[in-house]
Amino acid sequence: MVNSFPETADTLLVDTRLTDEDEASARVFRVYKPTPAHYHATCDEYLIILSGRGRFFMGNREPFEVGPGEMLFFKKGTVHGMPEILEHPLFMFSVDTPRRDPGDIIFIDPAQGTPASFVKAKS
């Protein structure tokens, strides 16, 4: 599946949904560019890093490095982001509970993006 993602993208992420139920949604996504501080208002999120490495932050924690096999969990409303990609390609598996609407991306600084500039679905 990861081999079917494009090498470059105009958005920060490209994703593909694996499930899209009311109770939870799951997707695989590739991170192409650093992601600014943002949060999700409607769901908790579980992330598992499949490949690549990055520097991640969430809540009040200092930025920390994440890599393959590591899992991150944060509750809705938790500010998070990835200011630095250390190794490409960076792929993640995500589960959002309950389902996250693709538009539920709230940037701390609205000038840094919109849901449309953040992620697009893999065609």
N, C-alpha and C. Protein backbone atom coordinates (compact mmCIF):
# COMPACT_ATOMS: atom_id res chain seq x y z
N MET A 1 0.81 -1.19 0.00
CA MET A 1 0.00 0.00 0.00
C MET A 1 0.86 1.26 0.00
N VAL A 2 1.91 1.28 0.82
CA VAL A 2 2.72 2.50 0.90
C VAL A 2 3.41 2.82 -0.42
N ASN A 3 3.67 1.82 -1.23
CA ASN A 3 4.31 2.06 -2.53
C ASN A 3 3.40 2.78 -3.51
N SER A 4 2.12 2.84 -3.21
CA SER A 4 1.18 3.50 -4.13
C SER A 4 1.04 5.00 -3.87
N PHE A 5 1.67 5.52 -2.82
CA PHE A 5 1.60 6.95 -2.53
C PHE A 5 2.54 7.72 -3.45
N PRO A 6 2.18 8.95 -3.82
CA PRO A 6 3.06 9.75 -4.69
C PRO A 6 4.36 10.12 -3.98
N GLU A 7 5.38 10.41 -4.76
CA GLU A 7 6.68 10.81 -4.20
C GLU A 7 6.64 12.23 -3.64
N THR A 8 5.81 13.09 -4.19
CA THR A 8 5.69 14.47 -3.72
C THR A 8 4.20 14.82 -3.60
N ALA A 9 3.93 15.90 -2.88
CA ALA A 9 2.55 16.35 -2.72
C ALA A 9 2.52 17.85 -2.47
N ASP A 10 1.43 18.49 -2.86
CA ASP A 10 1.22 19.91 -2.59
C ASP A 10 0.75 20.13 -1.15
N THR A 11 0.13 19.11 -0.55
CA THR A 11 -0.34 19.19 0.82
C THR A 11 0.73 18.65 1.76
N LEU A 12 0.54 18.83 3.06
CA LEU A 12 1.49 18.32 4.04
C LEU A 12 1.42 16.79 4.12
N LEU A 13 0.20 16.25 3.96
CA LEU A 13 -0.04 14.81 4.05
C LEU A 13 -0.88 14.34 2.87
N VAL A 14 -0.75 13.06 2.57
CA VAL A 14 -1.69 12.36 1.69
C VAL A 14 -2.12 11.12 2.47
N ASP A 15 -3.42 10.85 2.50
CA ASP A 15 -3.89 9.70 3.25
C ASP A 15 -4.84 8.84 2.44
N THR A 16 -5.05 7.64 2.95
CA THR A 16 -6.07 6.75 2.41
C THR A 16 -6.80 6.14 3.60
N ARG A 17 -8.11 6.19 3.54
CA ARG A 17 -8.94 5.65 4.64
C ARG A 17 -9.07 4.14 4.49
N LEU A 18 -8.89 3.45 5.61
CA LEU A 18 -9.05 2.00 5.65
C LEU A 18 -10.44 1.65 6.17
N THR A 19 -10.91 2.41 7.16
CA THR A 19 -12.27 2.26 7.68
C THR A 19 -12.82 3.66 7.93
N ASP A 20 -14.12 3.78 7.90
CA ASP A 20 -14.75 5.09 8.09
C ASP A 20 -16.11 4.88 8.74
N GLU A 21 -16.09 4.37 9.97
CA GLU A 21 -17.31 4.09 10.73
C GLU A 21 -17.56 5.22 11.72
N ASP A 22 -18.79 5.36 12.21
CA ASP A 22 -19.09 6.39 13.19
C ASP A 22 -18.23 6.26 14.45
N GLU A 23 -17.97 5.04 14.88
CA GLU A 23 -17.23 4.79 16.11
C GLU A 23 -15.74 5.04 15.97
N ALA A 24 -15.20 4.88 14.77
CA ALA A 24 -13.76 5.05 14.55
C ALA A 24 -13.46 5.11 13.06
N SER A 25 -12.40 5.83 12.76
CA SER A 25 -11.88 5.82 11.39
C SER A 25 -10.40 5.44 11.47
N ALA A 26 -9.93 4.77 10.45
CA ALA A 26 -8.52 4.38 10.40
C ALA A 26 -7.98 4.72 9.03
N ARG A 27 -6.73 5.15 9.00
CA ARG A 27 -6.12 5.53 7.72
C ARG A 27 -4.62 5.35 7.79
N VAL A 28 -4.02 5.28 6.63
CA VAL A 28 -2.57 5.32 6.47
C VAL A 28 -2.26 6.63 5.77
N PHE A 29 -1.23 7.33 6.25
CA PHE A 29 -0.85 8.56 5.58
C PHE A 29 0.66 8.72 5.51
N ARG A 30 1.07 9.49 4.50
CA ARG A 30 2.47 9.85 4.33
C ARG A 30 2.61 11.32 4.67
N VAL A 31 3.63 11.65 5.45
CA VAL A 31 3.93 13.03 5.82
C VAL A 31 5.02 13.54 4.87
N TYR A 32 4.71 14.59 4.13
CA TYR A 32 5.66 15.14 3.15
C TYR A 32 6.40 16.37 3.67
N LYS A 33 5.76 17.13 4.55
CA LYS A 33 6.34 18.40 5.03
C LYS A 33 6.04 18.51 6.52
N PRO A 34 6.84 19.28 7.26
CA PRO A 34 6.56 19.47 8.68
C PRO A 34 5.12 19.96 8.90
N THR A 35 4.53 19.50 9.99
CA THR A 35 3.14 19.88 10.29
C THR A 35 3.11 20.86 11.46
N PRO A 36 2.45 21.99 11.26
CA PRO A 36 2.38 22.99 12.33
C PRO A 36 1.43 22.58 13.45
N ALA A 37 1.49 23.31 14.54
CA ALA A 37 0.65 23.03 15.71
C ALA A 37 -0.82 23.07 15.34
N HIS A 38 -1.52 22.00 15.70
CA HIS A 38 -2.95 21.89 15.42
C HIS A 38 -3.58 20.91 16.42
N TYR A 39 -4.90 20.82 16.37
CA TYR A 39 -5.59 19.85 17.21
C TYR A 39 -6.87 19.41 16.50
N HIS A 40 -7.48 18.37 17.06
CA HIS A 40 -8.74 17.85 16.55
C HIS A 40 -9.78 18.01 17.66
N ALA A 41 -10.92 18.60 17.34
CA ALA A 41 -11.94 18.93 18.34
C ALA A 41 -12.88 17.77 18.65
N THR A 42 -12.92 16.74 17.80
CA THR A 42 -13.97 15.74 17.95
C THR A 42 -13.50 14.33 18.29
N CYS A 43 -12.19 14.08 18.33
CA CYS A 43 -11.77 12.69 18.51
C CYS A 43 -10.42 12.58 19.20
N ASP A 44 -10.18 11.42 19.79
CA ASP A 44 -8.86 11.02 20.26
C ASP A 44 -8.13 10.41 19.07
N GLU A 45 -6.79 10.40 19.13
CA GLU A 45 -6.03 9.86 17.99
C GLU A 45 -4.92 8.94 18.48
N TYR A 46 -4.80 7.81 17.80
CA TYR A 46 -3.70 6.87 18.01
C TYR A 46 -2.87 6.88 16.74
N LEU A 47 -1.56 7.07 16.85
CA LEU A 47 -0.66 7.05 15.68
C LEU A 47 0.40 5.98 15.89
N ILE A 48 0.63 5.18 14.86
CA ILE A 48 1.74 4.23 14.88
C ILE A 48 2.64 4.58 13.70
N ILE A 49 3.92 4.79 13.99
CA ILE A 49 4.87 5.14 12.93
C ILE A 49 5.26 3.85 12.22
N LEU A 50 5.04 3.84 10.90
CA LEU A 50 5.36 2.66 10.08
C LEU A 50 6.77 2.74 9.51
N SER A 51 7.19 3.94 9.08
CA SER A 51 8.55 4.12 8.53
C SER A 51 8.93 5.58 8.65
N GLY A 52 10.22 5.84 8.60
CA GLY A 52 10.72 7.20 8.70
C GLY A 52 10.88 7.63 10.15
N ARG A 53 11.37 8.85 10.32
CA ARG A 53 11.57 9.41 11.65
C ARG A 53 11.21 10.88 11.64
N GLY A 54 10.74 11.37 12.77
CA GLY A 54 10.43 12.79 12.87
C GLY A 54 10.52 13.28 14.30
N ARG A 55 10.52 14.58 14.45
CA ARG A 55 10.46 15.20 15.77
C ARG A 55 9.01 15.63 15.97
N PHE A 56 8.40 15.18 17.04
CA PHE A 56 6.98 15.36 17.30
C PHE A 56 6.81 16.12 18.60
N PHE A 57 5.72 16.84 18.73
CA PHE A 57 5.37 17.44 20.01
C PHE A 57 3.88 17.26 20.25
N MET A 58 3.53 17.20 21.51
CA MET A 58 2.11 17.16 21.88
C MET A 58 1.96 17.72 23.28
N GLY A 59 0.90 18.50 23.44
CA GLY A 59 0.65 19.11 24.74
C GLY A 59 1.82 19.95 25.19
N ASN A 60 2.16 19.82 26.47
CA ASN A 60 3.25 20.61 27.05
C ASN A 60 4.59 19.90 27.01
N ARG A 61 4.64 18.71 26.43
CA ARG A 61 5.91 17.96 26.37
C ARG A 61 6.88 18.64 25.43
N GLU A 62 8.16 18.53 25.75
CA GLU A 62 9.21 18.99 24.85
C GLU A 62 9.17 18.12 23.59
N PRO A 63 9.59 18.66 22.42
CA PRO A 63 9.63 17.83 21.21
C PRO A 63 10.50 16.59 21.44
N PHE A 64 10.09 15.49 20.82
CA PHE A 64 10.80 14.22 20.98
C PHE A 64 10.81 13.49 19.64
N GLU A 65 11.79 12.61 19.48
CA GLU A 65 11.93 11.86 18.23
C GLU A 65 11.03 10.63 18.25
N VAL A 66 10.41 10.35 17.10
CA VAL A 66 9.60 9.15 16.94
C VAL A 66 10.08 8.39 15.71
N GLY A 67 9.92 7.07 15.76
CA GLY A 67 10.35 6.24 14.63
C GLY A 67 9.53 4.97 14.54
N PRO A 68 9.89 4.09 13.62
CA PRO A 68 9.11 2.89 13.33
C PRO A 68 8.78 2.06 14.57
N GLY A 69 7.50 1.65 14.63
CA GLY A 69 7.03 0.81 15.71
C GLY A 69 6.55 1.55 16.94
N GLU A 70 6.78 2.86 17.00
CA GLU A 70 6.34 3.61 18.16
C GLU A 70 4.88 4.05 17.99
N MET A 71 4.18 4.12 19.12
CA MET A 71 2.79 4.54 19.10
C MET A 71 2.62 5.79 19.95
N LEU A 72 1.85 6.73 19.43
CA LEU A 72 1.50 7.95 20.15
C LEU A 72 0.00 7.95 20.37
N PHE A 73 -0.43 8.48 21.50
CA PHE A 73 -1.84 8.62 21.78
C PHE A 73 -2.08 10.00 22.37
N PHE A 74 -3.11 10.68 21.92
CA PHE A 74 -3.49 11.94 22.52
C PHE A 74 -5.00 12.14 22.42
N LYS A 75 -5.53 12.79 23.43
CA LYS A 75 -6.97 13.06 23.52
C LYS A 75 -7.35 14.23 22.64
N LYS A 76 -8.63 14.29 22.29
CA LYS A 76 -9.13 15.43 21.51
C LYS A 76 -8.76 16.72 22.22
N GLY A 77 -8.47 17.74 21.41
CA GLY A 77 -8.08 19.03 21.95
C GLY A 77 -6.61 19.17 22.27
N THR A 78 -5.84 18.08 22.21
CA THR A 78 -4.41 18.14 22.50
C THR A 78 -3.67 18.73 21.30
N VAL A 79 -2.96 19.81 21.53
CA VAL A 79 -2.18 20.44 20.46
C VAL A 79 -0.99 19.54 20.16
N HIS A 80 -0.76 19.29 18.86
CA HIS A 80 0.35 18.44 18.44
C HIS A 80 0.84 18.86 17.06
N GLY A 81 1.96 18.31 16.65
CA GLY A 81 2.51 18.60 15.33
C GLY A 81 3.88 17.95 15.18
N MET A 82 4.44 18.10 13.98
CA MET A 82 5.75 17.54 13.68
C MET A 82 6.58 18.61 12.97
N PRO A 83 7.37 19.39 13.75
CA PRO A 83 8.11 20.48 13.14
C PRO A 83 9.31 20.06 12.29
N GLU A 84 9.71 18.79 12.40
CA GLU A 84 10.90 18.36 11.66
C GLU A 84 10.77 16.90 11.24
N ILE A 85 11.00 16.65 9.96
CA ILE A 85 11.06 15.27 9.45
C ILE A 85 12.54 14.92 9.38
N LEU A 86 12.93 13.85 10.03
CA LEU A 86 14.34 13.46 10.12
C LEU A 86 14.72 12.41 9.09
N GLU A 87 13.73 11.62 8.65
CA GLU A 87 14.01 10.54 7.68
C GLU A 87 12.75 10.27 6.87
N HIS A 88 12.90 10.28 5.57
CA HIS A 88 11.80 9.98 4.64
C HIS A 88 11.92 8.55 4.14
N PRO A 89 10.88 7.94 3.63
CA PRO A 89 9.49 8.38 3.70
C PRO A 89 8.92 8.14 5.08
N LEU A 90 8.08 9.06 5.52
CA LEU A 90 7.46 9.00 6.84
C LEU A 90 6.00 8.60 6.68
N PHE A 91 5.70 7.36 7.06
CA PHE A 91 4.34 6.82 6.98
C PHE A 91 3.81 6.54 8.37
N MET A 92 2.52 6.81 8.56
CA MET A 92 1.87 6.54 9.84
C MET A 92 0.53 5.85 9.61
N PHE A 93 0.16 5.05 10.59
CA PHE A 93 -1.16 4.44 10.67
C PHE A 93 -1.89 5.17 11.78
N SER A 94 -3.11 5.61 11.52
CA SER A 94 -3.87 6.41 12.48
C SER A 94 -5.24 5.80 12.72
N VAL A 95 -5.66 5.81 13.98
CA VAL A 95 -7.02 5.45 14.35
C VAL A 95 -7.58 6.62 15.14
N ASP A 96 -8.72 7.13 14.72
CA ASP A 96 -9.40 8.24 15.39
C ASP A 96 -10.70 7.72 15.98
N THR A 97 -10.92 8.00 17.28
CA THR A 97 -12.14 7.55 17.94
C THR A 97 -12.82 8.71 18.64
N PRO A 98 -14.08 8.99 18.38
CA PRO A 98 -14.86 8.43 17.28
C PRO A 98 -14.31 8.94 15.94
N ARG A 99 -14.98 8.59 14.87
CA ARG A 99 -14.58 8.99 13.52
C ARG A 99 -14.21 10.46 13.48
N ARG A 100 -13.10 10.77 12.79
CA ARG A 100 -12.72 12.17 12.59
C ARG A 100 -13.11 12.61 11.20
N ASP A 101 -13.89 13.66 11.14
CA ASP A 101 -14.20 14.28 9.87
C ASP A 101 -12.91 14.85 9.28
N PRO A 102 -12.65 14.70 7.98
CA PRO A 102 -11.41 15.23 7.39
C PRO A 102 -11.23 16.73 7.61
N GLY A 103 -12.30 17.47 7.86
CA GLY A 103 -12.18 18.90 8.10
C GLY A 103 -11.85 19.28 9.53
N ASP A 104 -11.76 18.30 10.43
CA ASP A 104 -11.49 18.57 11.84
C ASP A 104 -9.99 18.71 12.09
N ILE A 105 -9.41 19.77 11.53
CA ILE A 105 -8.01 20.12 11.74
C ILE A 105 -8.01 21.61 12.07
N ILE A 106 -7.74 21.94 13.32
CA ILE A 106 -7.77 23.33 13.76
C ILE A 106 -6.34 23.78 14.04
N PHE A 107 -5.84 24.70 13.22
CA PHE A 107 -4.49 25.22 13.37
C PHE A 107 -4.45 26.26 14.49
N ILE A 108 -3.43 26.21 15.32
CA ILE A 108 -3.24 27.20 16.37
C ILE A 108 -3.04 28.57 15.73
N ASP A 109 -2.27 28.63 14.66
CA ASP A 109 -2.10 29.85 13.87
C ASP A 109 -2.82 29.62 12.55
N PRO A 110 -4.01 30.18 12.38
CA PRO A 110 -4.79 29.93 11.15
C PRO A 110 -4.06 30.30 9.86
N ALA A 111 -3.05 31.16 9.95
CA ALA A 111 -2.28 31.53 8.76
C ALA A 111 -1.41 30.37 8.26
N GLN A 112 -1.24 29.33 9.08
CA GLN A 112 -0.37 28.22 8.69
C GLN A 112 -1.08 27.15 7.86
N GLY A 113 -2.38 27.29 7.65
CA GLY A 113 -3.02 26.32 6.79
C GLY A 113 -4.50 26.17 7.03
N THR A 114 -5.07 25.32 6.21
CA THR A 114 -6.47 24.93 6.27
C THR A 114 -6.53 23.42 6.15
N PRO A 115 -7.67 22.82 6.45
CA PRO A 115 -7.76 21.37 6.24
C PRO A 115 -7.42 20.97 4.79
N ALA A 116 -7.79 21.79 3.82
CA ALA A 116 -7.49 21.46 2.41
C ALA A 116 -6.01 21.52 2.09
N SER A 117 -5.26 22.40 2.77
CA SER A 117 -3.82 22.48 2.52
C SER A 117 -3.06 21.48 3.36
N PHE A 118 -3.73 20.90 4.37
CA PHE A 118 -3.10 19.96 5.27
C PHE A 118 -3.06 18.55 4.70
N VAL A 119 -4.19 18.07 4.23
CA VAL A 119 -4.26 16.67 3.79
C VAL A 119 -5.18 16.53 2.61
N LYS A 120 -4.82 15.62 1.72
CA LYS A 120 -5.73 15.23 0.64
C LYS A 120 -5.76 13.71 0.59
N ALA A 121 -6.86 13.21 0.10
CA ALA A 121 -7.01 11.76 -0.04
C ALA A 121 -6.23 11.27 -1.25
N LYS A 122 -5.61 10.12 -1.09
CA LYS A 122 -4.86 9.50 -2.20
C LYS A 122 -5.84 9.14 -3.28
N SER A 123 -5.52 9.52 -4.51
CA SER A 123 -6.42 9.21 -5.63
C SER A 123 -6.16 7.83 -6.20
